[in-house]
């Protein structure tokens, strides 16, 4: 792909994105895009302090789940950026990423409701 590619088009979160250059340049561009910010530890502590009675434990539980989901999604993104995957493997991994993203969204809503 490096020898003949002049533009890479990637399907990312249901959107087609175009990247100028060969595959190596595409990967560099992807690395430069900063990932979604994680919830900082200080902010996490602040949210947990806000909780009352059982909501404090629920907030901690939701935050821990959010961190685990973010890590798993990041790992899947890393695997998906590999150039040596077969279509079936890409489809399977992308489907798993969609499931995790839905679960992450649900946990973020819970966390926000508690905060």
N, C-alpha and C. Protein backbone atom coordinates (compact mmCIF):
# COMPACT_ATOMS: atom_id res chain seq x y z
N UNK A 1 0.82 -1.20 0.00
CA UNK A 1 0.00 0.00 0.00
C UNK A 1 0.85 1.25 0.00
N UNK A 2 2.01 1.18 0.62
CA UNK A 2 2.87 2.36 0.68
C UNK A 2 3.34 2.79 -0.70
N UNK A 3 3.57 1.83 -1.58
CA UNK A 3 4.12 2.16 -2.90
C UNK A 3 3.08 2.76 -3.85
N UNK A 4 1.82 2.33 -3.72
CA UNK A 4 0.82 2.81 -4.67
C UNK A 4 -0.22 3.75 -4.06
N UNK A 5 -0.36 3.73 -2.75
CA UNK A 5 -1.39 4.55 -2.10
C UNK A 5 -1.03 6.02 -2.04
N UNK A 6 -1.97 6.87 -2.42
CA UNK A 6 -1.80 8.31 -2.32
C UNK A 6 -2.80 8.92 -1.36
N UNK A 7 -3.80 8.14 -1.01
CA UNK A 7 -4.83 8.60 -0.09
C UNK A 7 -5.42 7.38 0.59
N UNK A 8 -5.66 7.49 1.89
CA UNK A 8 -6.29 6.42 2.65
C UNK A 8 -7.66 6.92 3.10
N UNK A 9 -8.65 6.07 2.98
CA UNK A 9 -9.99 6.40 3.46
C UNK A 9 -10.32 5.39 4.52
N UNK A 10 -10.69 5.90 5.70
CA UNK A 10 -10.97 5.02 6.83
C UNK A 10 -12.40 5.23 7.31
N UNK A 11 -13.08 4.13 7.62
CA UNK A 11 -14.41 4.18 8.23
C UNK A 11 -14.20 4.20 9.73
N UNK A 12 -14.52 5.33 10.36
CA UNK A 12 -14.31 5.51 11.79
C UNK A 12 -15.58 6.03 12.43
N UNK A 13 -16.16 5.26 13.32
CA UNK A 13 -17.40 5.64 14.00
C UNK A 13 -18.47 6.07 13.02
N UNK A 14 -18.70 5.25 12.00
CA UNK A 14 -19.73 5.46 10.99
C UNK A 14 -19.49 6.67 10.09
N UNK A 15 -18.26 7.17 10.02
CA UNK A 15 -17.91 8.31 9.18
C UNK A 15 -16.69 7.94 8.35
N UNK A 16 -16.72 8.28 7.06
CA UNK A 16 -15.56 8.07 6.22
C UNK A 16 -14.63 9.27 6.36
N UNK A 17 -13.38 9.01 6.71
CA UNK A 17 -12.37 10.05 6.84
C UNK A 17 -11.29 9.81 5.81
N UNK A 18 -10.86 10.87 5.13
CA UNK A 18 -9.85 10.79 4.09
C UNK A 18 -8.52 11.31 4.62
N UNK A 19 -7.45 10.57 4.37
CA UNK A 19 -6.11 10.94 4.80
C UNK A 19 -5.20 10.97 3.57
N UNK A 20 -4.52 12.08 3.35
CA UNK A 20 -3.59 12.21 2.23
C UNK A 20 -2.31 11.43 2.54
N UNK A 21 -1.72 10.82 1.54
CA UNK A 21 -0.46 10.12 1.72
C UNK A 21 -0.61 8.62 1.71
N UNK A 22 0.51 7.92 1.91
CA UNK A 22 0.51 6.46 1.90
C UNK A 22 0.10 5.91 3.28
N UNK A 23 0.20 4.60 3.42
CA UNK A 23 -0.26 3.97 4.65
C UNK A 23 0.56 4.40 5.87
N UNK A 24 1.87 4.53 5.72
CA UNK A 24 2.70 4.97 6.85
C UNK A 24 2.30 6.37 7.32
N UNK A 25 2.01 7.26 6.37
CA UNK A 25 1.58 8.61 6.73
C UNK A 25 0.21 8.59 7.41
N UNK A 26 -0.65 7.69 6.95
CA UNK A 26 -1.96 7.51 7.56
C UNK A 26 -1.82 7.10 9.03
N UNK A 27 -0.93 6.13 9.28
CA UNK A 27 -0.72 5.66 10.66
C UNK A 27 -0.15 6.77 11.53
N UNK A 28 0.76 7.57 11.00
CA UNK A 28 1.31 8.70 11.75
C UNK A 28 0.20 9.70 12.10
N UNK A 29 -0.66 9.97 11.13
CA UNK A 29 -1.77 10.91 11.36
C UNK A 29 -2.71 10.37 12.44
N UNK A 30 -2.96 9.07 12.41
CA UNK A 30 -3.84 8.45 13.42
C UNK A 30 -3.23 8.54 14.81
N UNK A 31 -1.91 8.40 14.91
CA UNK A 31 -1.24 8.48 16.21
C UNK A 31 -1.27 9.90 16.75
N UNK A 32 -1.26 10.89 15.85
CA UNK A 32 -1.24 12.28 16.28
C UNK A 32 -2.59 12.73 16.81
N UNK A 33 -3.65 12.07 16.36
CA UNK A 33 -4.98 12.42 16.86
C UNK A 33 -5.07 11.93 18.29
N UNK A 34 -5.27 12.85 19.20
CA UNK A 34 -5.28 12.47 20.61
C UNK A 34 -6.57 11.74 20.95
N UNK A 35 -6.48 10.70 21.78
CA UNK A 35 -7.67 9.96 22.17
C UNK A 35 -8.56 10.80 23.08
N UNK A 36 -9.78 10.36 23.21
CA UNK A 36 -10.72 11.05 24.09
C UNK A 36 -10.10 11.14 25.49
N UNK A 37 -10.25 12.30 26.14
CA UNK A 37 -9.64 12.44 27.46
C UNK A 37 -10.26 11.49 28.47
N UNK A 38 -9.42 10.88 29.25
CA UNK A 38 -9.89 10.00 30.31
C UNK A 38 -10.24 10.84 31.53
N UNK A 39 -11.03 10.28 32.39
CA UNK A 39 -11.39 10.98 33.61
C UNK A 39 -10.17 10.98 34.51
N UNK A 40 -9.70 12.18 34.86
CA UNK A 40 -8.50 12.28 35.67
C UNK A 40 -8.78 11.77 37.09
N UNK A 41 -7.74 11.31 37.75
CA UNK A 41 -7.88 10.77 39.10
C UNK A 41 -8.43 11.80 40.07
N UNK A 42 -7.96 13.04 39.96
CA UNK A 42 -8.45 14.09 40.86
C UNK A 42 -9.94 14.32 40.65
N UNK A 43 -10.35 14.34 39.40
CA UNK A 43 -11.76 14.52 39.11
C UNK A 43 -12.57 13.33 39.59
N UNK A 44 -12.00 12.15 39.46
CA UNK A 44 -12.65 10.93 39.93
C UNK A 44 -12.90 11.02 41.44
N UNK A 45 -11.90 11.46 42.18
CA UNK A 45 -12.04 11.60 43.62
C UNK A 45 -13.12 12.62 43.97
N UNK A 46 -13.18 13.71 43.19
CA UNK A 46 -14.18 14.75 43.43
C UNK A 46 -15.59 14.20 43.26
N UNK A 47 -15.79 13.42 42.22
CA UNK A 47 -17.12 12.85 41.96
C UNK A 47 -17.51 11.88 43.06
N UNK A 48 -16.57 11.08 43.50
CA UNK A 48 -16.86 10.10 44.54
C UNK A 48 -17.23 10.81 45.84
N UNK A 49 -16.57 11.92 46.16
CA UNK A 49 -16.89 12.69 47.37
C UNK A 49 -18.29 13.27 47.31
N UNK A 50 -18.77 13.63 46.11
CA UNK A 50 -20.08 14.24 45.96
C UNK A 50 -21.21 13.27 46.30
N UNK A 51 -20.97 11.99 46.09
CA UNK A 51 -22.03 11.01 46.26
C UNK A 51 -22.54 10.93 47.69
N UNK A 52 -23.82 10.58 47.81
CA UNK A 52 -24.43 10.43 49.12
C UNK A 52 -24.81 8.97 49.29
N UNK A 53 -24.64 8.47 50.48
CA UNK A 53 -25.01 7.10 50.83
C UNK A 53 -24.53 6.09 49.78
N UNK A 54 -25.45 5.38 49.15
CA UNK A 54 -25.10 4.36 48.18
C UNK A 54 -24.60 4.91 46.86
N UNK A 55 -24.92 6.18 46.57
CA UNK A 55 -24.52 6.73 45.27
C UNK A 55 -23.00 6.87 45.17
N UNK A 56 -22.33 7.00 46.32
CA UNK A 56 -20.86 7.07 46.31
C UNK A 56 -20.28 5.77 45.77
N UNK A 57 -20.80 4.66 46.23
CA UNK A 57 -20.32 3.36 45.75
C UNK A 57 -20.70 3.15 44.29
N UNK A 58 -21.90 3.60 43.92
CA UNK A 58 -22.33 3.47 42.53
C UNK A 58 -21.43 4.30 41.61
N UNK A 59 -21.07 5.51 42.06
CA UNK A 59 -20.19 6.37 41.27
C UNK A 59 -18.82 5.72 41.09
N UNK A 60 -18.27 5.15 42.16
CA UNK A 60 -16.98 4.45 42.08
C UNK A 60 -17.06 3.27 41.11
N UNK A 61 -18.14 2.52 41.23
CA UNK A 61 -18.33 1.35 40.38
C UNK A 61 -18.43 1.77 38.90
N UNK A 62 -19.20 2.83 38.64
CA UNK A 62 -19.36 3.31 37.26
C UNK A 62 -18.02 3.80 36.71
N UNK A 63 -17.27 4.53 37.52
CA UNK A 63 -15.97 5.05 37.07
C UNK A 63 -14.98 3.93 36.78
N UNK A 64 -14.97 2.92 37.63
CA UNK A 64 -14.08 1.78 37.39
C UNK A 64 -14.46 1.06 36.09
N UNK A 65 -15.76 0.90 35.86
CA UNK A 65 -16.23 0.26 34.63
C UNK A 65 -15.86 1.10 33.42
N UNK A 66 -16.01 2.42 33.53
CA UNK A 66 -15.67 3.34 32.44
C UNK A 66 -14.19 3.19 32.08
N UNK A 67 -13.33 3.17 33.07
CA UNK A 67 -11.90 3.03 32.82
C UNK A 67 -11.57 1.70 32.13
N UNK A 68 -12.21 0.61 32.59
CA UNK A 68 -11.97 -0.70 31.97
C UNK A 68 -12.44 -0.71 30.51
N UNK A 69 -13.61 -0.12 30.27
CA UNK A 69 -14.14 -0.08 28.90
C UNK A 69 -13.26 0.77 28.00
N UNK A 70 -12.80 1.92 28.51
CA UNK A 70 -11.91 2.78 27.72
C UNK A 70 -10.63 2.05 27.35
N UNK A 71 -10.07 1.31 28.30
CA UNK A 71 -8.84 0.56 28.04
C UNK A 71 -9.07 -0.53 26.99
N UNK A 72 -10.20 -1.23 27.10
CA UNK A 72 -10.48 -2.30 26.14
C UNK A 72 -10.71 -1.72 24.74
N UNK A 73 -11.41 -0.59 24.65
CA UNK A 73 -11.63 0.06 23.36
C UNK A 73 -10.31 0.52 22.77
N UNK A 74 -9.45 1.08 23.60
CA UNK A 74 -8.13 1.53 23.13
C UNK A 74 -7.33 0.35 22.59
N UNK A 75 -7.39 -0.78 23.28
CA UNK A 75 -6.69 -1.98 22.84
C UNK A 75 -7.23 -2.47 21.49
N UNK A 76 -8.56 -2.45 21.35
CA UNK A 76 -9.16 -2.85 20.08
C UNK A 76 -8.75 -1.92 18.95
N UNK A 77 -8.70 -0.61 19.23
CA UNK A 77 -8.26 0.35 18.23
C UNK A 77 -6.84 0.05 17.77
N UNK A 78 -6.00 -0.32 18.72
CA UNK A 78 -4.62 -0.65 18.39
C UNK A 78 -4.56 -1.88 17.48
N UNK A 79 -5.34 -2.88 17.80
CA UNK A 79 -5.37 -4.10 17.00
C UNK A 79 -5.94 -3.81 15.61
N UNK A 80 -7.01 -2.99 15.56
CA UNK A 80 -7.64 -2.68 14.29
C UNK A 80 -6.73 -1.87 13.37
N UNK A 81 -5.80 -1.13 13.94
CA UNK A 81 -4.88 -0.34 13.11
C UNK A 81 -3.79 -1.21 12.50
N UNK A 82 -3.72 -2.47 12.90
CA UNK A 82 -2.76 -3.40 12.33
C UNK A 82 -3.12 -3.66 10.87
N UNK A 83 -2.12 -3.75 10.03
CA UNK A 83 -2.36 -3.89 8.60
C UNK A 83 -2.52 -5.34 8.14
N UNK A 84 -2.37 -6.29 9.02
CA UNK A 84 -2.37 -7.68 8.58
C UNK A 84 -3.60 -8.46 9.07
N UNK A 85 -4.76 -7.81 9.09
CA UNK A 85 -5.98 -8.47 9.53
C UNK A 85 -6.85 -8.86 8.34
N UNK A 86 -7.50 -9.99 8.46
CA UNK A 86 -8.46 -10.43 7.45
C UNK A 86 -9.80 -9.72 7.70
N UNK A 87 -10.62 -9.67 6.66
CA UNK A 87 -11.91 -8.99 6.75
C UNK A 87 -12.75 -9.51 7.91
N UNK A 88 -12.84 -10.82 8.06
CA UNK A 88 -13.68 -11.40 9.11
C UNK A 88 -13.22 -10.95 10.49
N UNK A 89 -11.89 -10.91 10.67
CA UNK A 89 -11.33 -10.48 11.96
C UNK A 89 -11.65 -9.00 12.21
N UNK A 90 -11.52 -8.18 11.18
CA UNK A 90 -11.83 -6.75 11.31
C UNK A 90 -13.30 -6.58 11.69
N UNK A 91 -14.17 -7.31 11.01
CA UNK A 91 -15.60 -7.22 11.29
C UNK A 91 -15.92 -7.62 12.73
N UNK A 92 -15.33 -8.70 13.17
CA UNK A 92 -15.54 -9.20 14.53
C UNK A 92 -15.05 -8.17 15.56
N UNK A 93 -13.86 -7.63 15.36
CA UNK A 93 -13.30 -6.65 16.30
C UNK A 93 -14.11 -5.35 16.29
N UNK A 94 -14.53 -4.91 15.11
CA UNK A 94 -15.30 -3.68 15.02
C UNK A 94 -16.66 -3.84 15.71
N UNK A 95 -17.28 -5.01 15.54
CA UNK A 95 -18.56 -5.28 16.22
C UNK A 95 -18.39 -5.24 17.73
N UNK A 96 -17.30 -5.83 18.21
CA UNK A 96 -17.01 -5.80 19.65
C UNK A 96 -16.80 -4.37 20.13
N UNK A 97 -16.11 -3.56 19.32
CA UNK A 97 -15.88 -2.16 19.69
C UNK A 97 -17.21 -1.42 19.79
N UNK A 98 -18.13 -1.69 18.88
CA UNK A 98 -19.44 -1.05 18.93
C UNK A 98 -20.19 -1.42 20.21
N UNK A 99 -20.13 -2.70 20.59
CA UNK A 99 -20.77 -3.14 21.83
C UNK A 99 -20.18 -2.42 23.04
N UNK A 100 -18.85 -2.36 23.07
CA UNK A 100 -18.17 -1.70 24.19
C UNK A 100 -18.49 -0.21 24.24
N UNK A 101 -18.60 0.42 23.09
CA UNK A 101 -18.92 1.85 23.03
C UNK A 101 -20.32 2.11 23.58
N UNK A 102 -21.26 1.25 23.24
CA UNK A 102 -22.62 1.39 23.77
C UNK A 102 -22.62 1.23 25.29
N UNK A 103 -21.88 0.24 25.77
CA UNK A 103 -21.78 0.00 27.20
C UNK A 103 -21.10 1.18 27.90
N UNK A 104 -20.07 1.74 27.27
CA UNK A 104 -19.38 2.90 27.81
C UNK A 104 -20.34 4.09 27.91
N UNK A 105 -21.11 4.33 26.85
CA UNK A 105 -22.08 5.43 26.87
C UNK A 105 -23.09 5.28 28.00
N UNK A 106 -23.56 4.05 28.21
CA UNK A 106 -24.53 3.80 29.28
C UNK A 106 -23.90 4.07 30.65
N UNK A 107 -22.65 3.65 30.84
CA UNK A 107 -21.98 3.89 32.12
C UNK A 107 -21.67 5.37 32.32
N UNK A 108 -21.36 6.08 31.25
CA UNK A 108 -21.13 7.52 31.37
C UNK A 108 -22.40 8.24 31.79
N UNK A 109 -23.53 7.80 31.26
CA UNK A 109 -24.81 8.41 31.65
C UNK A 109 -25.09 8.16 33.13
N UNK A 110 -24.84 6.94 33.58
CA UNK A 110 -25.03 6.62 35.00
C UNK A 110 -24.14 7.50 35.86
N UNK A 111 -22.86 7.59 35.46
CA UNK A 111 -21.90 8.38 36.21
C UNK A 111 -22.33 9.86 36.26
N UNK A 112 -22.80 10.39 35.13
CA UNK A 112 -23.21 11.79 35.08
C UNK A 112 -24.44 12.03 35.94
N UNK A 113 -25.35 11.08 35.96
CA UNK A 113 -26.55 11.21 36.79
C UNK A 113 -26.19 11.22 38.28
N UNK A 114 -25.16 10.49 38.64
CA UNK A 114 -24.74 10.42 40.04
C UNK A 114 -23.96 11.66 40.46
N UNK A 115 -23.29 12.30 39.51
CA UNK A 115 -22.43 13.47 39.81
C UNK A 115 -23.23 14.68 39.93
